[in-house]
């Protein structure tokens, strides 16, 4: 994502760190989006996320 240079509408169905990153003007917000994602990855409880992922049922 850090290397994307196209302006687009960023869409996610999840909030990340209590922030909804969906919206237009990706390039204007790219630094914020990347920072939030990096922070979430650095501080995520991977065991908890794995348990939640295992409980999900998808087609």
PDB file of N, CA and C in Angstrom:
ATOM      1  N   UNK A   1       0.824  -1.178   0.000  1.00  0.00           N
ATOM      2  CA  UNK A   1       0.000   0.000   0.000  1.00  0.00           C
ATOM      3  C   UNK A   1       0.875   1.251   0.000  1.00  0.00           C
ATOM      4  N   UNK A   2       2.031   1.159   0.650  1.00  0.00           N
ATOM      5  CA  UNK A   2       2.920   2.322   0.721  1.00  0.00           C
ATOM      6  C   UNK A   2       3.349   2.796  -0.664  1.00  0.00           C
ATOM      7  N   UNK A   3       3.427   1.883  -1.621  1.00  0.00           N
ATOM      8  CA  UNK A   3       3.937   2.223  -2.946  1.00  0.00           C
ATOM      9  C   UNK A   3       2.850   2.561  -3.959  1.00  0.00           C
ATOM     10  N   UNK A   4       1.597   2.541  -3.568  1.00  0.00           N
ATOM     11  CA  UNK A   4       0.529   2.898  -4.502  1.00  0.00           C
ATOM     12  C   UNK A   4       0.587   4.386  -4.817  1.00  0.00           C
ATOM     13  N   UNK A   5       0.457   4.703  -6.093  1.00  0.00           N
ATOM     14  CA  UNK A   5       0.515   6.108  -6.504  1.00  0.00           C
ATOM     15  C   UNK A   5      -0.747   6.537  -7.250  1.00  0.00           C
ATOM     16  N   UNK A   6      -1.733   5.672  -7.315  1.00  0.00           N
ATOM     17  CA  UNK A   6      -2.979   6.040  -7.982  1.00  0.00           C
ATOM     18  C   UNK A   6      -3.948   6.601  -6.939  1.00  0.00           C
ATOM     19  N   UNK A   7      -4.722   7.587  -7.348  1.00  0.00           N
ATOM     20  CA  UNK A   7      -5.728   8.110  -6.436  1.00  0.00           C
ATOM     21  C   UNK A   7      -6.977   7.261  -6.607  1.00  0.00           C
ATOM     22  N   UNK A   8      -7.537   6.834  -5.520  1.00  0.00           N
ATOM     23  CA  UNK A   8      -8.682   5.937  -5.594  1.00  0.00           C
ATOM     24  C   UNK A   8      -9.561   6.139  -4.367  1.00  0.00           C
ATOM     25  N   UNK A   9     -10.652   5.434  -4.348  1.00  0.00           N
ATOM     26  CA  UNK A   9     -11.564   5.404  -3.211  1.00  0.00           C
ATOM     27  C   UNK A   9     -11.194   4.177  -2.399  1.00  0.00           C
ATOM     28  N   UNK A  10     -10.666   4.358  -1.208  1.00  0.00           N
ATOM     29  CA  UNK A  10     -10.244   3.248  -0.356  1.00  0.00           C
ATOM     30  C   UNK A  10     -11.458   2.727   0.384  1.00  0.00           C
ATOM     31  N   UNK A  11     -11.712   1.421   0.272  1.00  0.00           N
ATOM     32  CA  UNK A  11     -12.887   0.815   0.895  1.00  0.00           C
ATOM     33  C   UNK A  11     -12.444  -0.333   1.797  1.00  0.00           C
ATOM     34  N   UNK A  12     -12.895  -0.296   3.016  1.00  0.00           N
ATOM     35  CA  UNK A  12     -12.705  -1.412   3.934  1.00  0.00           C
ATOM     36  C   UNK A  12     -14.011  -1.611   4.691  1.00  0.00           C
ATOM     37  N   UNK A  13     -14.323  -2.835   4.995  1.00  0.00           N
ATOM     38  CA  UNK A  13     -15.559  -3.130   5.721  1.00  0.00           C
ATOM     39  C   UNK A  13     -15.308  -3.236   7.222  1.00  0.00           C
ATOM     40  N   UNK A  14     -14.119  -2.877   7.635  1.00  0.00           N
ATOM     41  CA  UNK A  14     -13.749  -2.988   9.041  1.00  0.00           C
ATOM     42  C   UNK A  14     -13.207  -1.655   9.518  1.00  0.00           C
ATOM     43  N   UNK A  15     -13.370  -1.395  10.795  1.00  0.00           N
ATOM     44  CA  UNK A  15     -12.663  -0.272  11.387  1.00  0.00           C
ATOM     45  C   UNK A  15     -11.321  -0.800  11.857  1.00  0.00           C
ATOM     46  N   UNK A  16     -10.334   0.030  11.788  1.00  0.00           N
ATOM     47  CA  UNK A  16      -8.986  -0.367  12.175  1.00  0.00           C
ATOM     48  C   UNK A  16      -8.536   0.590  13.264  1.00  0.00           C
ATOM     49  N   UNK A  17      -8.309   0.056  14.452  1.00  0.00           N
ATOM     50  CA  UNK A  17      -7.942   0.907  15.569  1.00  0.00           C
ATOM     51  C   UNK A  17      -9.011   1.951  15.859  1.00  0.00           C
ATOM     52  N   UNK A  18     -10.268   1.567  15.737  1.00  0.00           N
ATOM     53  CA  UNK A  18     -11.418   2.460  15.955  1.00  0.00           C
ATOM     54  C   UNK A  18     -11.512   3.574  14.914  1.00  0.00           C
ATOM     55  N   UNK A  19     -10.824   3.411  13.786  1.00  0.00           N
ATOM     56  CA  UNK A  19     -10.868   4.398  12.712  1.00  0.00           C
ATOM     57  C   UNK A  19     -11.417   3.724  11.462  1.00  0.00           C
ATOM     58  N   UNK A  20     -12.436   4.328  10.862  1.00  0.00           N
ATOM     59  CA  UNK A  20     -12.951   3.835   9.592  1.00  0.00           C
ATOM     60  C   UNK A  20     -12.171   4.546   8.492  1.00  0.00           C
ATOM     61  N   UNK A  21     -11.407   3.803   7.705  1.00  0.00           N
ATOM     62  CA  UNK A  21     -10.514   4.393   6.711  1.00  0.00           C
ATOM     63  C   UNK A  21     -11.149   4.521   5.337  1.00  0.00           C
ATOM     64  N   UNK A  22     -12.403   4.117   5.184  1.00  0.00           N
ATOM     65  CA  UNK A  22     -13.073   4.199   3.894  1.00  0.00           C
ATOM     66  C   UNK A  22     -13.259   5.661   3.499  1.00  0.00           C
ATOM     67  N   UNK A  23     -12.992   5.949   2.233  1.00  0.00           N
ATOM     68  CA  UNK A  23     -13.247   7.298   1.748  1.00  0.00           C
ATOM     69  C   UNK A  23     -12.469   7.624   0.486  1.00  0.00           C
ATOM     70  N   UNK A  24     -12.785   8.767  -0.106  1.00  0.00           N
ATOM     71  CA  UNK A  24     -12.102   9.191  -1.325  1.00  0.00           C
ATOM     72  C   UNK A  24     -10.736   9.808  -0.994  1.00  0.00           C
ATOM     73  N   UNK A  25     -10.059  10.279  -2.017  1.00  0.00           N
ATOM     74  CA  UNK A  25      -8.782  10.984  -1.872  1.00  0.00           C
ATOM     75  C   UNK A  25      -7.726  10.135  -1.169  1.00  0.00           C
ATOM     76  N   UNK A  26      -7.546   8.915  -1.668  1.00  0.00           N
ATOM     77  CA  UNK A  26      -6.584   8.006  -1.053  1.00  0.00           C
ATOM     78  C   UNK A  26      -5.204   8.643  -0.931  1.00  0.00           C
ATOM     79  N   UNK A  27      -4.713   9.264  -1.996  1.00  0.00           N
ATOM     80  CA  UNK A  27      -3.359   9.816  -1.954  1.00  0.00           C
ATOM     81  C   UNK A  27      -3.209  10.899  -0.889  1.00  0.00           C
ATOM     82  N   UNK A  28      -4.242  11.679  -0.678  1.00  0.00           N
ATOM     83  CA  UNK A  28      -4.177  12.724   0.344  1.00  0.00           C
ATOM     84  C   UNK A  28      -4.159  12.121   1.748  1.00  0.00           C
ATOM     85  N   UNK A  29      -4.715  10.926   1.897  1.00  0.00           N
ATOM     86  CA  UNK A  29      -4.827  10.279   3.215  1.00  0.00           C
ATOM     87  C   UNK A  29      -3.904   9.083   3.362  1.00  0.00           C
ATOM     88  N   UNK A  30      -3.108   8.781   2.334  1.00  0.00           N
ATOM     89  CA  UNK A  30      -2.302   7.554   2.333  1.00  0.00           C
ATOM     90  C   UNK A  30      -1.390   7.452   3.556  1.00  0.00           C
ATOM     91  N   UNK A  31      -0.727   8.526   3.937  1.00  0.00           N
ATOM     92  CA  UNK A  31       0.166   8.482   5.100  1.00  0.00           C
ATOM     93  C   UNK A  31      -0.596   8.101   6.365  1.00  0.00           C
ATOM     94  N   UNK A  32      -1.796   8.649   6.532  1.00  0.00           N
ATOM     95  CA  UNK A  32      -2.615   8.320   7.707  1.00  0.00           C
ATOM     96  C   UNK A  32      -3.031   6.851   7.665  1.00  0.00           C
ATOM     97  N   UNK A  33      -3.474   6.385   6.511  1.00  0.00           N
ATOM     98  CA  UNK A  33      -3.929   5.001   6.377  1.00  0.00           C
ATOM     99  C   UNK A  33      -2.789   4.038   6.669  1.00  0.00           C
ATOM    100  N   UNK A  34      -1.628   4.280   6.075  1.00  0.00           N
ATOM    101  CA  UNK A  34      -0.475   3.406   6.293  1.00  0.00           C
ATOM    102  C   UNK A  34      -0.059   3.425   7.758  1.00  0.00           C
ATOM    103  N   UNK A  35      -0.051   4.599   8.386  1.00  0.00           N
ATOM    104  CA  UNK A  35       0.333   4.698   9.799  1.00  0.00           C
ATOM    105  C   UNK A  35      -0.613   3.915  10.694  1.00  0.00           C
ATOM    106  N   UNK A  36      -1.920   4.016  10.443  1.00  0.00           N
ATOM    107  CA  UNK A  36      -2.898   3.285  11.252  1.00  0.00           C
ATOM    108  C   UNK A  36      -2.719   1.781  11.068  1.00  0.00           C
ATOM    109  N   UNK A  37      -2.533   1.335   9.832  1.00  0.00           N
ATOM    110  CA  UNK A  37      -2.339  -0.097   9.576  1.00  0.00           C
ATOM    111  C   UNK A  37      -1.053  -0.604  10.229  1.00  0.00           C
ATOM    112  N   UNK A  38       0.041   0.152  10.113  1.00  0.00           N
ATOM    113  CA  UNK A  38       1.303  -0.264  10.729  1.00  0.00           C
ATOM    114  C   UNK A  38       1.188  -0.331  12.243  1.00  0.00           C
ATOM    115  N   UNK A  39       0.514   0.645  12.842  1.00  0.00           N
ATOM    116  CA  UNK A  39       0.336   0.651  14.289  1.00  0.00           C
ATOM    117  C   UNK A  39      -0.497  -0.547  14.734  1.00  0.00           C
ATOM    118  N   UNK A  40      -1.551  -0.831  13.975  1.00  0.00           N
ATOM    119  CA  UNK A  40      -2.406  -1.968  14.329  1.00  0.00           C
ATOM    120  C   UNK A  40      -1.627  -3.280  14.232  1.00  0.00           C
ATOM    121  N   UNK A  41      -0.832  -3.436  13.191  1.00  0.00           N
ATOM    122  CA  UNK A  41      -0.027  -4.649  13.050  1.00  0.00           C
ATOM    123  C   UNK A  41       1.007  -4.773  14.164  1.00  0.00           C
ATOM    124  N   UNK A  42       1.604  -3.668  14.546  1.00  0.00           N
ATOM    125  CA  UNK A  42       2.635  -3.683  15.582  1.00  0.00           C
ATOM    126  C   UNK A  42       2.071  -4.017  16.959  1.00  0.00           C
ATOM    127  N   UNK A  43       0.804  -3.684  17.191  1.00  0.00           N
ATOM    128  CA  UNK A  43       0.223  -3.861  18.525  1.00  0.00           C
ATOM    129  C   UNK A  43      -0.929  -4.862  18.576  1.00  0.00           C
ATOM    130  N   UNK A  44      -1.148  -5.563  17.485  1.00  0.00           N
ATOM    131  CA  UNK A  44      -2.280  -6.496  17.428  1.00  0.00           C
ATOM    132  C   UNK A  44      -2.032  -7.728  18.294  1.00  0.00           C
ATOM    133  N   UNK A  45      -3.091  -8.214  18.890  1.00  0.00           N
ATOM    134  CA  UNK A  45      -3.058  -9.478  19.640  1.00  0.00           C
ATOM    135  C   UNK A  45      -3.363 -10.579  18.626  1.00  0.00           C
ATOM    136  N   UNK A  46      -2.309 -11.133  18.040  1.00  0.00           N
ATOM    137  CA  UNK A  46      -2.477 -12.102  16.956  1.00  0.00           C
ATOM    138  C   UNK A  46      -3.213 -13.370  17.404  1.00  0.00           C
ATOM    139  N   UNK A  47      -3.027 -13.784  18.647  1.00  0.00           N
ATOM    140  CA  UNK A  47      -3.749 -14.955  19.146  1.00  0.00           C
ATOM    141  C   UNK A  47      -5.252 -14.697  19.183  1.00  0.00           C
ATOM    142  N   UNK A  48      -5.638 -13.519  19.670  1.00  0.00           N
ATOM    143  CA  UNK A  48      -7.060 -13.164  19.713  1.00  0.00           C
ATOM    144  C   UNK A  48      -7.633 -13.085  18.302  1.00  0.00           C
ATOM    145  N   UNK A  49      -6.881 -12.479  17.372  1.00  0.00           N
ATOM    146  CA  UNK A  49      -7.349 -12.387  15.996  1.00  0.00           C
ATOM    147  C   UNK A  49      -7.496 -13.766  15.360  1.00  0.00           C
ATOM    148  N   UNK A  50      -6.580 -14.664  15.649  1.00  0.00           N
ATOM    149  CA  UNK A  50      -6.656 -16.024  15.111  1.00  0.00           C
ATOM    150  C   UNK A  50      -7.887 -16.753  15.649  1.00  0.00           C
ATOM    151  N   UNK A  51      -8.189 -16.569  16.928  1.00  0.00           N
ATOM    152  CA  UNK A  51      -9.381 -17.198  17.505  1.00  0.00           C
ATOM    153  C   UNK A  51     -10.647 -16.664  16.850  1.00  0.00           C
ATOM    154  N   UNK A  52     -10.709 -15.359  16.648  1.00  0.00           N
ATOM    155  CA  UNK A  52     -11.888 -14.766  16.001  1.00  0.00           C
ATOM    156  C   UNK A  52     -12.022 -15.256  14.566  1.00  0.00           C
ATOM    157  N   UNK A  53     -10.899 -15.326  13.855  1.00  0.00           N
ATOM    158  CA  UNK A  53     -10.930 -15.789  12.465  1.00  0.00           C
ATOM    159  C   UNK A  53     -11.405 -17.243  12.397  1.00  0.00           C
ATOM    160  N   UNK A  54     -10.986 -18.065  13.348  1.00  0.00           N
ATOM    161  CA  UNK A  54     -11.375 -19.472  13.358  1.00  0.00           C
ATOM    162  C   UNK A  54     -12.864 -19.657  13.618  1.00  0.00           C
ATOM    163  N   UNK A  55     -13.488 -18.695  14.291  1.00  0.00           N
ATOM    164  CA  UNK A  55     -14.909 -18.786  14.604  1.00  0.00           C
ATOM    165  C   UNK A  55     -15.807 -18.351  13.453  1.00  0.00           C
ATOM    166  N   UNK A  56     -15.228 -17.671  12.474  1.00  0.00           N
ATOM    167  CA  UNK A  56     -16.034 -17.146  11.371  1.00  0.00           C
ATOM    168  C   UNK A  56     -16.447 -18.267  10.428  1.00  0.00           C
ATOM    169  N   UNK A  57     -17.644 -18.131   9.922  1.00  0.00           N
ATOM    170  CA  UNK A  57     -18.180 -19.091   8.963  1.00  0.00           C
ATOM    171  C   UNK A  57     -18.417 -18.346   7.651  1.00  0.00           C
ATOM    172  N   UNK A  58     -17.788 -18.801   6.597  1.00  0.00           N
ATOM    173  CA  UNK A  58     -17.980 -18.176   5.290  1.00  0.00           C
ATOM    174  C   UNK A  58     -18.338 -19.246   4.264  1.00  0.00           C
ATOM    175  N   UNK A  59     -18.872 -18.808   3.160  1.00  0.00           N
ATOM    176  CA  UNK A  59     -19.244 -19.755   2.117  1.00  0.00           C
ATOM    177  C   UNK A  59     -18.043 -20.234   1.369  1.00  0.00           C
TER     178      UNK A  59
END
